[in-house]
N, C-alpha and C. Protein backbone atom coordinates (compact mmCIF):
# COMPACT_ATOMS: atom_id res chain seq x y z
N UNK A 1 -6.55 61.29 45.47
CA UNK A 1 -7.16 61.45 46.77
C UNK A 1 -6.55 60.49 47.83
N UNK A 2 -6.20 60.87 48.93
CA UNK A 2 -5.53 60.04 49.96
C UNK A 2 -6.45 59.03 50.51
N UNK A 3 -5.91 57.84 50.87
CA UNK A 3 -6.66 56.81 51.45
C UNK A 3 -7.06 57.11 52.96
N UNK A 4 -8.26 57.08 53.28
CA UNK A 4 -8.61 57.42 54.74
C UNK A 4 -7.78 56.44 55.69
N UNK A 5 -7.51 57.08 56.84
CA UNK A 5 -6.79 56.40 57.90
C UNK A 5 -7.26 55.00 58.20
N UNK A 6 -8.60 54.86 58.44
CA UNK A 6 -9.23 53.61 58.80
C UNK A 6 -9.05 52.49 57.80
N UNK A 7 -9.10 52.99 56.50
CA UNK A 7 -8.89 52.00 55.42
C UNK A 7 -7.44 51.47 55.43
N UNK A 8 -6.50 52.42 55.60
CA UNK A 8 -5.10 51.99 55.58
C UNK A 8 -4.85 51.00 56.78
N UNK A 9 -5.41 51.43 57.95
CA UNK A 9 -5.26 50.50 59.09
C UNK A 9 -5.82 49.13 58.85
N UNK A 10 -7.03 48.98 58.22
CA UNK A 10 -7.63 47.72 57.87
C UNK A 10 -6.81 46.92 56.91
N UNK A 11 -6.17 47.62 55.99
CA UNK A 11 -5.33 47.00 54.97
C UNK A 11 -4.16 46.38 55.63
N UNK A 12 -3.54 47.18 56.48
CA UNK A 12 -2.32 46.76 57.21
C UNK A 12 -2.63 45.53 58.03
N UNK A 13 -3.75 45.59 58.80
CA UNK A 13 -4.05 44.63 59.78
C UNK A 13 -4.35 43.22 59.13
N UNK A 14 -4.66 43.28 57.77
CA UNK A 14 -4.98 42.00 56.92
C UNK A 14 -3.69 41.36 56.54
N UNK A 15 -2.59 42.10 56.67
CA UNK A 15 -1.22 41.46 56.22
C UNK A 15 -0.82 40.47 57.20
N UNK A 16 0.13 39.64 56.75
CA UNK A 16 0.78 38.65 57.63
C UNK A 16 1.65 39.33 58.67
N UNK A 17 1.78 38.68 59.84
CA UNK A 17 2.48 39.21 60.89
C UNK A 17 3.91 39.85 60.47
N UNK A 18 4.62 39.06 59.64
CA UNK A 18 5.92 39.51 59.26
C UNK A 18 5.89 40.74 58.47
N UNK A 19 4.93 40.97 57.61
CA UNK A 19 4.74 42.11 56.84
C UNK A 19 4.35 43.25 57.73
N UNK A 20 3.48 43.06 58.72
CA UNK A 20 3.11 44.17 59.63
C UNK A 20 4.27 44.53 60.50
N UNK A 21 5.12 43.59 60.77
CA UNK A 21 6.36 43.99 61.72
C UNK A 21 7.26 44.94 60.88
N UNK A 22 7.23 44.91 59.60
CA UNK A 22 8.17 45.73 58.85
C UNK A 22 7.66 47.15 58.82
N UNK A 23 6.40 47.39 59.01
CA UNK A 23 5.74 48.72 58.81
C UNK A 23 6.37 49.74 59.88
N UNK A 24 6.51 49.37 61.21
CA UNK A 24 6.94 50.43 62.11
C UNK A 24 8.32 50.93 61.82
N UNK A 25 9.25 49.93 61.39
CA UNK A 25 10.57 50.34 60.95
C UNK A 25 10.62 51.32 59.86
N UNK A 26 9.83 51.05 58.78
CA UNK A 26 9.77 51.96 57.67
C UNK A 26 9.12 53.30 58.04
N UNK A 27 8.09 53.32 58.84
CA UNK A 27 7.54 54.52 59.32
C UNK A 27 8.47 55.42 60.09
N UNK A 28 9.19 54.74 60.99
CA UNK A 28 10.17 55.55 61.84
C UNK A 28 11.19 56.08 60.93
N UNK A 29 11.76 55.33 60.02
CA UNK A 29 12.78 55.70 59.08
C UNK A 29 12.30 56.86 58.23
N UNK A 30 11.04 56.99 58.00
CA UNK A 30 10.52 58.13 57.16
C UNK A 30 10.59 59.46 57.75
N UNK A 31 10.79 59.50 59.13
CA UNK A 31 10.79 60.89 59.71
C UNK A 31 12.18 61.45 59.55
N UNK A 32 12.21 62.69 59.64
CA UNK A 32 13.50 63.48 59.46
C UNK A 32 14.44 63.10 60.70
N UNK A 33 15.62 62.93 60.48
CA UNK A 33 16.52 62.76 61.64
C UNK A 33 16.80 63.92 62.40
N UNK A 34 16.98 63.84 63.71
CA UNK A 34 17.24 64.96 64.65
C UNK A 34 18.75 64.91 64.70
N UNK A 35 19.44 66.02 64.14
CA UNK A 35 20.77 66.15 64.09
C UNK A 35 21.33 66.40 65.52
N UNK A 36 20.55 66.99 66.43
CA UNK A 36 20.99 67.17 67.84
C UNK A 36 21.06 65.75 68.50
N UNK A 37 20.23 64.81 68.28
CA UNK A 37 20.26 63.53 68.74
C UNK A 37 21.39 62.75 68.16
N UNK A 38 21.60 62.90 66.82
CA UNK A 38 22.81 62.33 66.22
C UNK A 38 24.05 62.73 66.84
N UNK A 39 24.28 63.97 67.12
CA UNK A 39 25.46 64.64 67.72
C UNK A 39 25.61 63.99 69.10
N UNK A 40 24.52 63.88 69.82
CA UNK A 40 24.65 63.36 71.21
C UNK A 40 25.08 61.82 71.17
N UNK A 41 24.56 61.11 70.26
CA UNK A 41 25.05 59.71 70.09
C UNK A 41 26.43 59.59 69.70
N UNK A 42 26.99 60.47 68.85
CA UNK A 42 28.36 60.49 68.45
C UNK A 42 29.17 60.87 69.73
N UNK A 43 28.80 61.87 70.50
CA UNK A 43 29.47 62.24 71.66
C UNK A 43 29.59 61.02 72.68
N UNK A 44 28.41 60.36 72.75
CA UNK A 44 28.37 59.11 73.68
C UNK A 44 29.33 58.00 73.18
N UNK A 45 29.36 57.80 71.89
CA UNK A 45 30.27 56.79 71.36
C UNK A 45 31.69 57.19 71.57
N UNK A 46 32.03 58.40 71.36
CA UNK A 46 33.43 58.86 71.60
C UNK A 46 33.82 58.76 73.02
N UNK A 47 32.89 59.08 73.97
CA UNK A 47 33.09 58.94 75.43
C UNK A 47 33.32 57.55 75.85
N UNK A 48 32.52 56.61 75.26
CA UNK A 48 32.71 55.17 75.61
C UNK A 48 34.03 54.69 75.11
N UNK A 49 34.43 55.08 73.88
CA UNK A 49 35.68 54.72 73.30
C UNK A 49 36.88 55.22 74.28
N UNK A 50 36.71 56.43 74.73
CA UNK A 50 37.74 56.96 75.69
C UNK A 50 37.76 56.24 76.89
N UNK A 51 36.61 55.77 77.44
CA UNK A 51 36.50 55.02 78.67
C UNK A 51 37.30 53.61 78.49
N UNK A 52 37.14 53.10 77.42
CA UNK A 52 37.82 51.82 77.11
C UNK A 52 39.32 52.06 77.09
N UNK A 53 39.81 53.05 76.41
CA UNK A 53 41.17 53.42 76.36
C UNK A 53 41.76 53.68 77.73
N UNK A 54 40.94 54.28 78.55
CA UNK A 54 41.39 54.69 79.98
C UNK A 54 41.29 53.52 80.91
N UNK A 55 40.72 52.39 80.44
CA UNK A 55 40.57 51.19 81.41
C UNK A 55 39.40 51.41 82.28
N UNK A 56 38.46 52.35 81.99
CA UNK A 56 37.30 52.48 82.88
C UNK A 56 36.18 51.54 82.45
N UNK A 57 36.25 51.01 81.19
CA UNK A 57 35.23 50.11 80.66
C UNK A 57 35.95 48.99 79.85
N UNK A 58 35.27 47.94 79.63
CA UNK A 58 35.94 46.87 78.81
C UNK A 58 34.87 46.47 77.78
N UNK A 59 35.35 45.95 76.68
CA UNK A 59 34.50 45.46 75.63
C UNK A 59 34.03 44.02 76.00
N UNK A 60 32.85 43.72 75.68
CA UNK A 60 32.21 42.46 75.83
C UNK A 60 31.65 41.95 74.43
N UNK A 61 31.68 40.64 74.21
CA UNK A 61 31.09 40.10 72.92
C UNK A 61 29.66 40.61 72.75
N UNK A 62 29.29 40.90 71.51
CA UNK A 62 27.93 41.33 71.15
C UNK A 62 26.95 40.29 71.55
N UNK A 63 27.33 39.00 71.40
CA UNK A 63 26.33 37.86 71.85
C UNK A 63 26.02 38.08 73.31
N UNK A 64 26.98 38.44 74.13
CA UNK A 64 26.76 38.52 75.60
C UNK A 64 25.90 39.67 75.86
N UNK A 65 26.14 40.88 75.17
CA UNK A 65 25.34 41.95 75.33
C UNK A 65 23.98 41.71 74.96
N UNK A 66 23.66 41.02 73.80
CA UNK A 66 22.31 40.76 73.32
C UNK A 66 21.64 39.76 74.31
N UNK A 67 22.42 38.85 74.90
CA UNK A 67 21.77 38.07 75.91
C UNK A 67 21.35 38.78 77.17
N UNK A 68 22.08 39.82 77.57
CA UNK A 68 21.64 40.66 78.67
C UNK A 68 20.38 41.49 78.30
N UNK A 69 20.33 42.00 77.13
CA UNK A 69 19.23 42.76 76.65
C UNK A 69 17.90 41.84 76.54
N UNK A 70 18.13 40.66 75.99
CA UNK A 70 16.96 39.75 75.89
C UNK A 70 16.48 39.43 77.32
N UNK A 71 17.40 39.14 78.25
CA UNK A 71 17.00 38.76 79.61
C UNK A 71 16.21 39.85 80.32
N UNK A 72 16.42 41.07 79.89
CA UNK A 72 15.69 42.21 80.47
C UNK A 72 14.42 42.50 79.80
N UNK A 73 14.11 42.00 78.67
CA UNK A 73 12.91 42.15 77.90
C UNK A 73 11.80 41.24 78.37
N UNK A 74 10.63 41.69 78.48
CA UNK A 74 9.47 40.89 78.76
C UNK A 74 8.44 41.02 77.71
N UNK A 75 8.29 39.98 76.86
CA UNK A 75 7.34 40.19 75.82
C UNK A 75 6.05 39.48 76.19
N UNK A 76 4.93 40.00 75.65
CA UNK A 76 3.62 39.42 75.99
C UNK A 76 3.33 38.08 75.27
N UNK A 77 4.25 37.76 74.27
CA UNK A 77 3.97 36.60 73.46
C UNK A 77 5.26 35.93 73.10
N UNK A 78 5.28 34.58 73.23
CA UNK A 78 6.51 33.86 72.83
C UNK A 78 6.68 33.86 71.32
N UNK A 79 5.56 34.21 70.56
CA UNK A 79 5.80 34.22 69.09
C UNK A 79 5.73 35.58 68.54
N UNK A 80 6.13 36.57 69.34
CA UNK A 80 6.19 37.94 68.89
C UNK A 80 7.05 38.16 67.56
N UNK A 81 6.44 38.60 66.47
CA UNK A 81 7.31 38.76 65.24
C UNK A 81 8.39 39.82 65.39
N UNK A 82 8.12 40.83 66.28
CA UNK A 82 9.18 41.83 66.40
C UNK A 82 10.37 41.32 67.20
N UNK A 83 10.16 40.56 68.24
CA UNK A 83 11.17 40.08 69.12
C UNK A 83 11.98 38.95 68.26
N UNK A 84 11.28 38.23 67.45
CA UNK A 84 11.99 37.21 66.65
C UNK A 84 12.94 37.82 65.61
N UNK A 85 12.76 39.12 65.27
CA UNK A 85 13.56 39.80 64.33
C UNK A 85 14.77 40.45 64.93
N UNK A 86 14.93 40.49 66.20
CA UNK A 86 16.07 41.05 66.88
C UNK A 86 17.28 40.06 66.88
N UNK A 87 18.22 40.35 65.95
CA UNK A 87 19.36 39.50 65.78
C UNK A 87 20.64 40.39 65.61
N UNK A 88 21.69 39.77 65.96
CA UNK A 88 23.06 40.46 65.76
C UNK A 88 23.96 39.38 65.24
N UNK A 89 25.04 39.75 64.46
CA UNK A 89 26.03 38.86 64.11
C UNK A 89 26.68 38.33 65.31
N UNK A 90 27.29 37.08 65.24
CA UNK A 90 27.75 36.39 66.49
C UNK A 90 28.88 37.18 67.21
N UNK A 91 29.89 37.62 66.55
CA UNK A 91 31.02 38.24 67.27
C UNK A 91 31.42 39.58 66.81
N UNK A 92 31.19 40.09 65.56
CA UNK A 92 31.77 41.37 65.27
C UNK A 92 31.39 42.51 66.10
N UNK A 93 30.10 42.51 66.62
CA UNK A 93 29.60 43.63 67.46
C UNK A 93 29.94 43.39 68.72
N UNK A 94 30.51 44.41 69.41
CA UNK A 94 30.92 44.33 70.87
C UNK A 94 30.25 45.55 71.51
N UNK A 95 30.08 45.31 72.87
CA UNK A 95 29.43 46.41 73.66
C UNK A 95 30.36 46.75 74.81
N UNK A 96 30.11 47.81 75.45
CA UNK A 96 30.98 48.23 76.50
C UNK A 96 30.35 47.78 77.88
N UNK A 97 31.32 47.45 78.79
CA UNK A 97 30.88 47.09 80.07
C UNK A 97 31.75 47.90 81.06
N UNK A 98 31.11 48.65 81.96
CA UNK A 98 31.95 49.56 82.83
C UNK A 98 32.64 48.76 83.82
N UNK A 99 33.86 49.05 84.11
CA UNK A 99 34.60 48.28 85.11
C UNK A 99 34.46 48.92 86.49
N UNK A 100 33.53 49.98 86.50
CA UNK A 100 33.30 50.61 87.82
C UNK A 100 32.04 50.15 88.45
N UNK A 101 31.27 49.22 87.81
CA UNK A 101 30.09 48.74 88.35
C UNK A 101 30.34 47.78 89.57
């Protein structure tokens, strides 16, 4: 017999913050992927690569891109376990910056 929703919720809420933060990731990953969305992301990536080749965009270090993202985020708590888990390698990841901005 399945565990009632309210019992599952109570069990999850008794877990440490780090363990609770892992749950949304795993739940989202459990859904079937939308191939239409995947195709749209591939098309976007190809377009961005073409923009870089054409000189319409330039690459920036991943650390700079992450700093821009974090500057735009407003969290309700300085000790948010989800925000603390957002990390990227120092340099291998790069982002695109439009040169037309």
